[in-house]
Protein backbone atom coordinates (compact mmCIF):
# COMPACT_ATOMS: atom_id res chain seq x y z
CA MET A 1 56.75 181.61 266.13
CA GLY A 2 59.74 182.22 265.11
CA ASN A 3 61.39 178.89 265.48
CA SER A 4 58.62 177.26 262.26
CA HIS A 5 61.14 177.76 259.59
CA GLY A 6 64.96 176.47 259.24
CA LEU A 7 66.06 174.68 261.39
CA GLY A 8 63.11 174.11 263.31
CA SER A 9 60.96 171.62 260.77
CA GLY A 10 61.71 168.64 262.23
CA GLY A 11 62.17 169.65 265.41
CA ALA A 12 59.44 167.61 267.05
CA ARG A 13 61.24 164.16 265.71
CA GLY A 14 64.56 165.31 266.91
CA ARG A 15 63.20 166.41 270.46
CA ALA A 16 60.84 163.05 270.89
CA ALA A 17 63.95 160.89 269.77
CA GLY A 18 66.01 162.70 272.33
CA ASP A 19 63.44 162.42 275.17
CA ALA A 20 63.47 158.37 274.07
CA ARG A 21 66.98 158.01 274.38
CA ASP A 22 66.97 159.78 277.56
CA GLY A 23 64.53 157.89 278.99
CA ARG A 24 61.62 160.61 279.73
CA HIS A 25 59.55 159.94 277.77
CA GLY A 26 56.40 162.41 277.38
CA ASN A 27 58.41 164.60 280.24
CA GLN A 28 57.95 168.13 278.24
CA SER A 29 59.51 170.17 281.12
CA ALA A 30 63.12 168.49 281.15
CA PRO A 31 65.84 170.79 279.40
CA GLU A 32 66.01 169.81 275.64
CA LYS A 33 69.30 167.72 274.58
CA ARG A 34 70.95 169.97 271.71
CA VAL A 35 73.47 168.39 269.14
CA VAL A 36 76.10 171.12 268.99
CA PRO A 37 77.47 170.09 265.13
CA LYS A 38 81.17 169.98 264.78
CA PRO A 39 82.65 173.61 263.39
CA VAL A 40 83.89 173.38 260.52
CA PRO A 41 87.68 174.46 259.93
CA VAL A 42 88.67 177.86 258.61
CA TYR A 43 91.18 179.25 256.05
CA GLY A 44 94.03 179.99 258.81
CA PRO A 45 96.18 178.52 261.39
CA LYS A 46 96.82 174.96 260.53
CA ASP A 47 94.32 172.54 263.14
CA THR A 48 96.05 169.32 264.96
CA GLY A 49 96.48 166.40 263.74
CA ARG A 50 98.64 164.34 261.35
CA ALA A 51 97.92 163.06 257.99
CA ALA A 52 97.43 159.22 258.12
CA THR A 53 97.41 156.50 255.98
CA VAL A 54 93.61 154.81 255.53
CA ASP A 55 94.75 151.96 252.58
CA PHE A 56 97.47 151.14 250.14
CA ILE A 57 98.15 149.13 246.88
CA ASN A 58 101.56 147.49 246.57
CA VAL A 59 102.96 147.36 243.15
CA HIS A 60 105.75 144.46 242.52
CA THR A 61 107.73 144.93 239.64
CA LYS A 62 111.55 142.93 238.88
CA HIS A 63 113.59 144.91 241.26
CA PHE A 64 111.40 146.51 244.24
CA THR A 65 108.08 146.89 245.52
CA SER A 66 106.43 149.87 245.50
CA ARG A 67 103.19 151.54 247.12
CA ILE A 68 100.12 153.96 246.45
CA GLU A 69 98.62 155.23 249.47
CA LEU A 70 95.88 156.28 250.07
CA MET A 71 95.87 159.49 252.56
CA GLN A 72 93.75 161.48 254.56
CA GLY A 73 94.43 164.73 256.34
CA LYS A 74 96.12 168.75 255.40
CA VAL A 75 99.59 169.27 253.31
CA GLU A 76 101.41 170.02 255.88
CA SER A 77 99.83 168.10 258.90
CA LEU A 78 103.01 165.24 257.60
CA SER A 79 104.63 163.36 259.97
CA LYS A 80 108.47 163.29 259.56
CA THR A 81 108.53 159.94 258.51
CA ASP A 82 106.12 160.46 256.17
CA ALA A 83 108.80 163.17 254.58
CA THR A 84 107.92 163.00 251.15
CA ASP A 85 110.90 164.10 248.04
CA LEU A 86 107.80 165.82 246.05
CA LEU A 87 104.38 167.93 246.94
CA VAL A 88 102.09 168.02 243.38
CA VAL A 89 101.01 171.68 243.42
CA TYR A 90 98.04 172.61 241.52
CA LEU A 91 96.85 175.71 239.58
CA ARG A 92 93.79 176.85 237.91
CA ALA A 93 96.08 178.46 235.26
CA ARG A 94 99.38 179.76 234.86
CA GLY A 95 99.85 183.03 237.33
CA ASP A 96 96.54 181.93 239.03
CA HIS A 97 97.80 182.16 242.43
CA LYS A 98 94.53 182.17 244.52
CA ALA A 99 93.98 179.37 246.84
CA ASN A 100 91.23 176.94 248.60
CA ARG A 101 91.64 176.92 252.28
CA ASP A 102 92.33 172.93 252.08
CA SER A 103 94.78 173.19 248.92
CA ALA A 104 98.25 172.60 248.55
CA LEU A 105 98.88 176.21 247.54
CA ALA A 106 97.18 177.39 250.90
CA ALA A 107 99.55 175.42 253.01
CA LEU A 108 102.25 177.10 250.89
CA ASN A 109 100.95 179.91 252.19
CA ARG A 110 100.75 179.49 255.92
CA SER A 111 103.74 177.73 256.07
CA GLY A 112 105.24 181.08 254.56
CA ILE A 113 106.21 180.03 251.39
CA SER A 114 105.92 182.28 247.95
CA LEU A 115 105.06 180.60 244.86
CA VAL A 116 105.65 183.57 243.16
CA GLN A 117 109.65 183.37 245.08
CA LEU A 118 109.71 180.36 244.11
CA GLU A 119 109.28 180.57 240.44
CA LYS A 120 111.57 183.20 240.14
CA GLN A 121 114.70 181.33 241.88
CA THR A 122 113.54 177.97 239.94
CA ASN A 123 113.42 179.66 236.29
CA PRO A 124 110.78 176.58 234.61
CA ASN A 125 112.30 174.99 232.09
CA PRO A 126 109.87 176.39 228.94
CA SER A 127 109.76 172.75 227.57
CA TYR A 128 108.39 170.63 230.55
CA ARG A 129 105.90 173.84 231.15
CA ARG A 130 104.60 173.58 227.19
CA HIS A 131 104.23 169.62 226.76
CA TYR A 132 103.34 169.21 230.50
CA HIS A 133 102.18 172.06 232.01
CA CYS A 134 104.43 171.90 235.02
CA TRP A 135 107.55 172.90 236.20
CA LEU A 136 109.94 171.62 239.26
CA SER A 137 111.25 174.27 241.53
CA LYS A 138 114.54 173.67 243.40
CA SER A 139 114.68 172.57 246.88
CA LEU A 140 112.39 174.83 249.86
CA PRO A 141 113.92 176.51 252.03
CA LYS A 142 115.07 175.78 255.73
CA PRO A 143 113.52 175.96 257.97
CA ARG A 144 110.14 174.52 257.09
CA PRO A 145 107.35 174.53 259.70
CA ASP A 146 106.54 171.20 261.46
CA GLY A 147 104.42 168.99 259.42
CA PHE A 148 105.53 170.76 256.17
CA GLU A 149 108.21 168.12 255.56
CA TYR A 150 108.86 168.17 251.84
CA ASP A 151 111.95 169.05 249.62
CA ARG A 152 110.31 169.83 246.32
CA LEU A 153 107.18 171.29 244.44
CA LEU A 154 106.06 170.06 240.70
CA VAL A 155 103.62 172.91 239.82
CA TYR A 156 100.95 171.78 237.43
CA GLU A 157 99.07 174.80 235.51
CA ASP A 158 96.25 174.12 234.27
CA PRO A 159 95.82 175.24 230.47
CA GLY A 160 92.28 175.42 230.78
CA LYS A 161 90.27 172.02 229.94
CA GLU A 162 92.21 169.46 231.98
CA LEU A 163 89.80 169.69 234.89
CA GLU A 164 87.49 168.54 232.57
CA SER A 165 89.53 165.46 232.02
CA ASP A 166 91.23 163.89 235.11
CA ASP A 167 93.71 162.08 233.18
CA ASN A 168 94.95 164.03 231.20
CA ILE A 169 95.97 165.84 234.32
CA ALA A 170 97.74 162.58 235.58
CA LEU A 171 99.30 161.32 232.52
CA ASP A 172 101.15 164.71 232.08
CA ILE A 173 102.01 164.17 236.18
CA MET A 174 103.86 161.07 235.40
CA GLN A 175 105.05 162.14 232.42
CA CYS A 176 106.92 164.54 233.57
CA LEU A 177 108.04 162.74 236.83
CA ALA A 178 109.79 160.14 234.49
CA THR A 179 111.62 162.65 232.43
CA VAL A 180 113.22 164.48 235.61
CA ILE A 181 113.44 160.58 237.26
CA GLY A 182 115.33 159.71 234.47
CA GLY A 183 118.54 161.73 234.79
CA GLU A 184 118.08 165.62 236.43
CA VAL A 185 116.90 164.60 240.06
CA GLU A 186 116.49 161.48 242.56
CA ILE A 187 112.18 161.50 243.95
CA ASN A 188 111.64 158.42 245.73
CA SER A 189 108.08 159.38 246.77
CA VAL A 190 105.54 161.82 245.98
CA MET A 191 101.99 163.60 246.89
CA LEU A 192 99.13 164.20 245.21
CA PRO A 193 96.34 166.03 246.68
CA LEU A 194 93.03 165.85 245.62
CA MET A 195 92.08 168.92 247.38
CA GLY A 196 91.22 172.72 246.01
CA GLY A 197 90.86 173.14 242.35
CA LEU A 198 90.39 169.15 242.71
CA LEU A 199 87.81 169.32 245.61
CA SER A 200 84.65 169.11 244.36
CA HIS A 201 83.38 165.30 245.56
CA SER A 202 81.75 164.59 242.01
CA LEU A 203 84.81 165.49 240.29
CA ARG A 204 87.25 163.84 243.36
CA LYS A 205 85.94 160.34 242.68
CA HIS A 206 87.25 160.30 239.23
CA PHE A 207 90.70 161.67 240.32
CA VAL A 208 91.12 159.00 242.51
CA ARG A 209 90.48 155.86 240.24
CA ALA A 210 92.45 158.42 237.21
CA ALA A 211 95.35 158.68 239.80
CA VAL A 212 95.64 155.26 240.88
CA GLU A 213 95.51 153.34 237.61
CA ILE A 214 97.73 155.91 235.87
CA THR A 215 100.52 155.80 238.86
CA TYR A 216 99.92 152.12 238.62
CA ALA A 217 100.47 151.57 235.52
CA TRP A 218 104.11 153.88 235.37
CA MET A 219 105.18 151.95 238.65
CA MET A 220 104.39 148.50 237.20
CA MET A 221 106.53 149.46 234.05
CA GLY A 222 109.30 150.40 235.70
CA LEU A 223 109.61 154.14 236.92
CA PRO A 224 111.54 153.98 239.85
CA ILE A 225 109.57 155.53 242.34
CA ARG A 226 109.21 153.74 245.67
CA LYS A 227 105.68 155.72 246.96
CA ILE A 228 103.12 157.64 245.67
CA ARG A 229 100.37 158.95 248.29
CA ILE A 230 96.93 160.59 247.13
CA LEU A 231 96.03 163.02 250.02
CA LEU A 232 92.59 163.29 250.06
CA PRO A 233 90.29 166.40 252.48
CA TYR A 234 90.61 165.81 256.36
CA ASP A 235 87.32 167.50 257.00
CA THR A 236 84.60 165.56 254.57
CA ASP A 237 83.30 162.43 253.93
CA VAL A 238 85.61 160.03 251.94
CA SER A 239 83.64 156.69 252.05
CA LYS A 240 82.92 156.91 247.98
CA ASP A 241 86.73 157.70 247.72
CA LEU A 242 88.07 154.78 249.32
CA GLU A 243 85.97 153.03 248.17
CA THR A 244 86.99 153.09 244.79
CA PHE A 245 90.41 153.03 245.74
CA ARG A 246 89.19 149.41 247.33
CA LYS A 247 87.42 148.50 243.89
CA LEU A 248 90.63 149.65 242.36
CA LYS A 249 92.65 147.40 244.24
CA ASP A 250 91.34 144.31 244.23
CA SER A 251 90.60 144.76 239.85
CA LEU A 252 94.52 146.08 238.97
CA GLY A 253 95.95 143.18 240.84
CA LYS A 254 93.94 140.93 237.37
CA GLN A 255 95.99 142.80 235.26
CA ASP A 256 98.92 141.45 236.30
CA LEU A 257 98.75 138.41 234.86
CA PRO A 258 101.68 137.91 232.25
CA SER A 259 100.73 137.65 228.28
CA LYS A 260 102.31 134.49 225.97
CA LYS A 261 102.86 136.67 223.30
CA LYS A 262 106.20 137.73 222.76
CA TYR A 263 107.01 140.46 220.04
CA ASP A 264 110.21 141.52 218.38
CA VAL A 265 109.29 145.21 218.17
CA TYR A 266 106.31 147.75 218.85
CA VAL A 267 106.28 150.32 216.13
CA SER A 268 104.62 153.77 217.77
CA TYR A 269 103.36 156.30 215.61
CA ALA A 270 100.91 159.41 214.67
CA GLN A 271 97.78 158.51 212.73
CA GLU A 272 99.27 161.09 210.36
CA ASP A 273 102.42 159.23 209.76
CA ALA A 274 100.33 155.62 209.73
CA ALA A 275 101.80 155.16 205.41
CA ASP A 276 105.32 155.47 206.81
CA ALA A 277 105.04 153.11 209.41
CA GLU A 278 103.02 150.83 207.28
CA ALA A 279 105.74 150.82 204.90
CA LEU A 280 108.57 150.06 207.56
CA MET A 281 106.76 147.42 208.78
CA PHE A 282 106.69 146.19 205.70
CA TYR A 283 110.19 146.39 205.01
CA MET A 284 110.70 144.78 208.43
CA LYS A 285 108.68 141.69 207.41
CA GLU A 286 110.16 141.03 203.73
CA THR A 287 113.93 141.42 205.59
CA ARG A 288 112.96 139.03 208.29
CA PRO A 289 110.31 136.89 207.78
CA GLY A 290 108.32 135.50 210.80
CA ILE A 291 109.02 138.82 212.54
CA GLU A 292 106.66 139.74 215.62
CA ILE A 293 105.11 143.67 215.18
CA PHE A 294 103.08 144.61 217.50
CA ASP A 295 101.18 147.50 215.23
CA GLY A 296 101.14 150.25 218.04
CA ALA A 297 98.62 152.50 216.10
CA PRO A 298 96.12 154.98 217.99
CA LYS A 299 92.98 153.84 217.71
CA GLY A 300 91.53 156.91 219.56
CA LEU A 301 90.91 157.74 223.39
CA LYS A 302 87.32 157.68 223.30
CA MET A 303 87.76 154.07 222.63
CA ARG A 304 88.90 153.47 226.60
CA ASP A 305 87.45 154.34 228.84
CA ARG A 306 87.62 157.32 230.93
CA GLY A 307 90.83 157.88 232.84
CA VAL A 308 91.82 153.66 231.70
CA VAL A 309 95.29 153.08 230.66
CA SER A 310 95.26 150.45 227.85
CA VAL A 311 96.39 147.23 229.44
CA PRO A 312 96.96 145.95 226.38
CA THR A 313 99.16 148.98 225.46
CA ILE A 314 100.87 148.28 229.06
CA HIS A 315 101.51 144.17 228.09
CA ALA A 316 102.57 144.96 224.56
CA ILE A 317 105.54 146.95 225.67
CA LYS A 318 106.53 144.94 228.70
CA LYS A 319 106.97 141.38 225.96
CA SER A 320 108.61 143.50 223.04
CA ALA A 321 112.51 143.31 222.53
CA MET A 322 112.40 146.77 220.97
CA ILE A 323 110.07 149.84 220.88
CA LEU A 324 110.06 152.04 217.37
CA SER A 325 108.73 155.49 217.49
CA LEU A 326 108.51 158.09 214.74
CA LEU A 327 108.57 161.05 216.42
CA SER A 328 106.32 164.17 214.58
CA ASP A 329 104.36 167.01 216.30
CA ASP A 330 101.21 165.29 215.19
CA TYR A 331 102.84 162.13 217.59
CA PHE A 332 103.07 164.63 221.01
CA GLN A 333 99.77 166.07 219.94
CA SER A 334 98.38 162.08 221.05
CA LYS A 335 98.17 161.40 224.08
CA GLU A 336 98.25 157.41 223.26
CA CYS A 337 101.09 158.28 221.35
CA THR A 338 102.96 160.12 224.51
CA GLU A 339 101.59 157.70 227.24
CA ALA A 340 103.14 155.06 224.98
CA PHE A 341 106.28 156.89 224.78
CA SER A 342 106.78 157.05 228.28
CA LEU A 343 105.76 154.00 229.73
CA ALA A 344 108.45 152.56 227.41
CA TYR A 345 111.00 154.79 228.79
CA CYS A 346 110.14 153.36 232.10
CA SER A 347 110.72 149.32 230.69
CA ASP A 348 114.70 150.80 229.87
CA PHE A 349 114.70 151.27 233.70
CA ASP A 350 114.04 147.23 233.78
CA THR A 351 115.92 146.48 230.92
CA GLN A 352 119.16 148.22 231.04
CA GLY A 353 118.75 150.29 228.15
CA ASN A 354 118.04 149.37 224.49
CA THR A 355 113.95 149.11 224.92
CA ILE A 356 113.11 152.42 222.71
CA VAL A 357 114.94 153.54 219.38
CA PRO A 358 113.40 156.65 218.93
CA LEU A 359 113.54 158.04 215.32
CA PHE A 360 113.15 161.68 214.72
CA TRP A 361 110.68 161.59 212.10
CA ARG A 362 110.09 164.80 210.96
CA SER A 363 110.80 168.26 212.28
CA CYS A 364 109.19 169.25 216.10
CA ASP A 365 109.00 170.70 219.22
CA LEU A 366 110.10 167.72 220.69
CA THR A 367 109.78 166.93 224.54
CA PRO A 368 112.23 167.08 227.11
CA LEU A 369 112.34 163.02 227.16
CA ALA A 370 112.46 162.84 223.47
CA ARG A 371 115.09 165.24 223.31
CA ARG A 372 116.75 163.00 226.03
CA LEU A 373 116.31 159.80 224.29
CA ILE A 374 117.43 161.19 221.36
CA ALA A 375 120.94 162.31 222.16
CA THR A 376 121.73 158.68 224.10
CA GLN A 377 119.52 156.48 221.92
CA GLY A 378 118.01 157.54 219.41
CA VAL A 379 118.57 158.68 215.57
CA ASP A 380 117.78 161.71 213.38
CA CYS A 381 115.66 160.54 210.13
CA ARG A 382 114.48 163.96 209.34
CA GLU A 383 112.69 165.06 207.42
CA GLN A 384 111.38 161.16 206.42
CA ASP A 385 114.76 159.42 205.36
CA PHE A 386 113.00 156.08 204.86
CA GLU A 387 116.46 154.99 203.88
CA LYS A 388 118.62 155.90 206.44
CA ALA A 389 115.88 154.16 208.76
CA LYS A 390 115.74 151.35 206.67
CA SER A 391 119.09 150.87 206.99
CA LEU A 392 119.25 151.01 210.70
CA ILE A 393 116.37 147.86 210.81
CA LYS A 394 117.96 146.01 208.35
CA ASP A 395 121.50 146.15 210.94
CA TRP A 396 119.48 145.46 213.68
CA LEU A 397 117.26 142.27 211.83
CA LYS A 398 120.72 140.76 210.35
CA ASP A 399 121.97 138.96 213.32
CA SER A 400 119.64 139.71 216.60
CA PRO A 401 117.35 136.79 217.05
CA THR A 402 113.50 137.40 216.51
CA VAL A 403 111.33 135.96 219.41
CA ALA A 404 110.53 132.55 217.42
CA GLU A 405 114.28 131.71 216.41
CA ALA A 406 115.35 132.65 220.24
CA GLN A 407 115.74 129.70 222.41
CA PRO A 408 113.12 128.62 225.56
CA GLY A 409 113.26 130.52 228.22
CA SER A 410 116.58 133.04 226.88
CA ASP A 411 115.48 137.14 227.14
CA VAL A 412 115.25 137.95 223.87
CA THR A 413 115.56 142.06 225.21
CA LYS A 414 118.81 141.35 226.70
CA MET A 415 120.03 139.65 223.31
CA ASN A 416 118.73 143.09 221.02
CA ASN A 417 122.46 145.16 221.08
CA PHE A 418 120.62 147.15 218.58
CA GLY A 419 121.25 150.48 220.76
CA ASP A 420 124.57 149.43 221.63
CA ARG A 421 125.65 149.76 218.29
CA ILE A 422 123.47 153.21 217.66
CA MET A 423 125.30 155.03 220.97
CA MET A 424 128.27 153.19 219.13
CA GLN A 425 127.73 156.13 216.00
CA LYS A 426 127.09 158.78 217.76
CA GLU A 427 130.08 161.53 218.36
CA ASN A 428 129.01 164.52 219.48
CA GLN A 429 126.47 165.13 222.42
CA ASP A 430 124.56 167.94 223.99
CA ARG A 431 125.01 166.85 227.81
CA ASN A 432 122.38 169.66 229.21
CA LEU A 433 119.68 167.10 227.43
CA ILE A 434 120.99 164.21 229.46
CA PHE A 435 121.88 165.77 232.66
CA GLY A 436 120.30 169.50 232.79
CA GLU A 437 122.21 172.70 233.33
CA THR A 438 125.23 172.57 235.20
CA ASP A 439 126.42 175.38 234.65
CA GLY A 440 127.66 177.52 237.81
CA GLY A 441 127.21 174.76 240.47
CA LYS A 442 131.75 174.26 240.58
CA ALA A 443 131.43 177.51 241.77
CA ASP A 444 128.92 177.23 244.39
CA LEU A 445 129.69 173.77 245.74
CA THR A 446 133.43 174.85 246.31
CA ARG A 447 131.73 178.27 247.50
CA MET A 448 130.07 176.01 250.48
CA GLY A 449 133.58 174.44 251.12
CA VAL A 450 133.53 171.28 248.89
CA ASN A 451 137.67 171.26 247.67
CA ASP A 452 138.33 170.61 244.16
CA ALA A 453 139.91 167.50 242.62
CA LYS A 454 143.26 168.67 243.14
CA SER A 455 143.03 168.54 246.96
CA ILE A 456 142.25 164.83 246.88
CA PHE A 457 144.14 163.12 243.57
CA ASP A 458 147.72 163.81 242.74
CA ASP A 459 149.09 164.68 239.31
CA GLN A 460 149.73 160.74 239.05
CA TRP A 461 146.57 160.34 239.53
CA MET A 462 144.99 162.61 237.26
CA ASN A 463 147.55 161.48 234.39
CA ASN A 464 146.74 158.18 234.96
CA TRP A 465 142.90 158.11 235.48
CA ALA A 466 140.96 161.73 234.64
CA VAL A 467 138.64 161.11 232.27
CA ASP A 468 136.97 164.85 230.41
CA PHE A 469 133.44 164.11 230.73
CA LYS A 470 133.31 165.59 227.72
CA SER A 471 134.63 162.71 225.92
CA VAL A 472 131.48 160.25 227.70
CA ILE A 473 129.50 159.32 225.01
CA PHE A 474 125.87 158.49 227.16
CA GLY A 475 123.73 156.35 226.14
CA PRO A 476 120.63 154.84 227.82
CA LYS A 477 120.27 154.99 231.59
CA ILE A 478 121.06 150.94 233.13
CA GLY A 479 119.86 151.72 236.91
CA ALA A 480 121.00 153.37 240.07
CA GLY A 481 123.59 153.69 242.25
CA GLY A 482 123.97 154.50 246.12
CA PHE A 483 124.85 158.32 244.59
CA GLY A 484 122.51 158.47 241.77
CA GLU A 485 122.38 156.45 237.55
CA VAL A 486 123.94 154.91 236.53
CA PHE A 487 124.43 154.55 232.57
CA LYS A 488 125.49 153.01 229.44
CA ALA A 489 128.37 154.76 227.42
CA LYS A 490 131.11 155.29 224.97
CA HIS A 491 134.50 155.59 225.77
CA ASP A 492 137.62 155.72 223.77
CA GLY A 493 135.34 153.44 221.42
CA LYS A 494 134.31 151.06 224.17
CA ILE A 495 130.89 150.44 225.68
CA VAL A 496 131.35 151.23 230.03
CA ALA A 497 129.00 151.98 232.49
CA VAL A 498 129.08 155.10 233.95
CA LYS A 499 128.09 155.90 237.81
CA THR A 500 127.09 159.97 238.49
CA LEU A 501 126.23 162.06 241.34
CA THR A 502 122.66 163.15 240.66
CA PRO A 503 121.60 166.31 242.59
CA LYS A 504 119.17 165.24 245.90
CA GLY A 505 118.24 168.68 246.60
CA SER A 506 119.71 171.44 248.03
CA GLU A 507 123.23 172.49 247.73
CA GLU A 508 123.35 172.46 251.44
CA LYS A 509 122.33 168.68 251.02
CA MET A 510 125.14 168.28 248.24
CA ILE A 511 127.82 168.52 250.12
CA VAL A 512 128.11 165.53 251.79
CA PRO A 513 127.55 163.37 248.44
CA VAL A 514 129.76 165.26 246.81
CA LYS A 515 133.17 164.40 249.18
CA GLU A 516 131.93 161.06 249.81
CA PHE A 517 131.60 160.50 246.01
CA LEU A 518 134.87 161.40 245.73
CA GLN A 519 136.41 159.56 248.28
CA GLU A 520 134.78 156.90 246.58
CA ILE A 521 136.25 157.71 243.38
CA LYS A 522 139.59 157.69 245.11
CA LEU A 523 138.94 154.04 246.65
CA MET A 524 137.67 151.84 243.33
CA SER A 525 140.89 153.39 241.60
CA ASP A 526 143.29 151.74 244.31
CA LEU A 527 140.57 148.44 244.10
CA SER A 528 142.06 145.51 242.18
CA HIS A 529 139.99 141.59 242.58
CA PRO A 530 137.96 139.43 240.33
CA ASN A 531 134.78 139.97 241.59
CA VAL A 532 135.23 143.66 241.73
CA VAL A 533 134.06 145.54 238.15
CA SER A 534 137.35 146.82 236.34
CA PHE A 535 137.53 150.97 237.24
CA ILE A 536 138.43 152.48 233.89
CA GLY A 537 138.75 156.05 235.37
CA ALA A 538 136.36 159.29 236.89
CA CYS A 539 135.24 162.62 235.89
CA VAL A 540 136.51 164.24 238.77
CA ASP A 541 135.22 168.27 238.22
CA VAL A 542 132.49 169.12 240.14
CA PRO A 543 129.66 169.61 239.60
CA THR A 544 130.60 166.42 236.45
CA LEU A 545 131.30 163.51 238.52
CA ALA A 546 131.02 160.13 237.23
CA ILE A 547 132.75 156.75 237.26
CA LEU A 548 133.44 154.87 234.30
CA LEU A 549 133.21 151.17 235.30
CA GLU A 550 133.25 148.39 233.03
CA VAL A 551 130.28 146.81 231.80
CA SER A 552 130.34 143.17 231.65
CA VAL A 553 129.24 143.06 235.02
CA PRO A 554 125.91 145.50 234.76
CA ALA A 555 123.89 143.68 237.80
CA PHE A 556 126.76 144.22 240.20
CA VAL A 557 127.02 148.24 239.11
């Protein structure tokens, strides 16, 4: 009688099925075969088993092929061959360190890494928190437990409503990554766990869709990241998630069909600045009849499917010689505007700069990316300085061919040197907006055994080649070298290419790259060959190391 409720219901059917399988029809005296349920893992010591890739999507760009991988496993169960630069950690709110058993935060706790202590050591940038709800940690301390193969964390602090809109979280993360990768830290791989606070199956399928579509768009536009891994829980049914991923894999490839339409300029603006944008577009058409303009008027996210990046926007940006953005507080309150701005910045990597020209239109709290771009390739037009904007537009239009005038097969974007002229007009620049804070780096590296320039370069070399880092006016990022980013820049009134040393991790990790970079400077200063770009000089004051080269053969740089 005690077994007539609960698990006892359906017991006769279970026994009959068991008897039939064993060939013991009607044999009631045989012992009942019991199916022991698989134990559910508990919060505590990690289980065995490595995270494994179950499917992937290749993302083909002009210069390389990236990959979005769908994985299943525990956060701290990576093999060393799958070591990942960045782990995304989700918090329900700033300071909320309660962890579900399989969340990234719980994995940190099990691995003996204190997020509270790491936050104190990192001193997160307030602007990143305001605009992206994220902060980037310093390199994680060593030694690290086996399976916890991550170098840094990107901590996402939900402002309170983001969990209701999965695309907002993915958008914030990708915009933050674009800003960080654009000039601060080299990141080639990212792990995005969809578990813990994001564990609900009903929510997770939407997060898979949003994460794939948004990361695909940023990577396709040129964000130089090689792998984004989406990690699903190891102890749950993920068949629906896998089905969603495979449907996206089939559909996303169809979006890559090239658009035949080309534009001279894409104008991006907030609805509140529509009248100003329309006036500028009218001036362009009046000044240069036949100019092709894409009107990037925001239409509201409700016009799009949930979590879907605007495909027409992506194609228009890729086919535009220049993106002109009117920056204001309303601009940064619009998801559509910030999305277009970040995607346009990614396209700079493919076009070697000058694609996006931001106009600081109305005073506001600029995002970290906007501050960097205003410093390198933008123009301050506050407050709604039409005359300054018109002068810039007229200067651009006077000798740049429109898409209608360009020869068939020519690259209009490469012809457009408007960004170069903007850079040549700049005289002063806050380099912390481009490279982040560098104070104290020299003392730390010297203390750890990195020799200063005087131990490698004699007085004659210093007189001939040494360049003051502050004398270089940095423009758009145009590529990457073996040690870090390559920028277009102005030095002594000329446009040059500048190879920089990008931080790649802890101070210990930087010792060898700094020494090798100094040796490369010495080697290049001794080279003279018609097939090698000319060496102009170098900044040799650790940690602001840079090599200045001629820019006539940018692909070789």
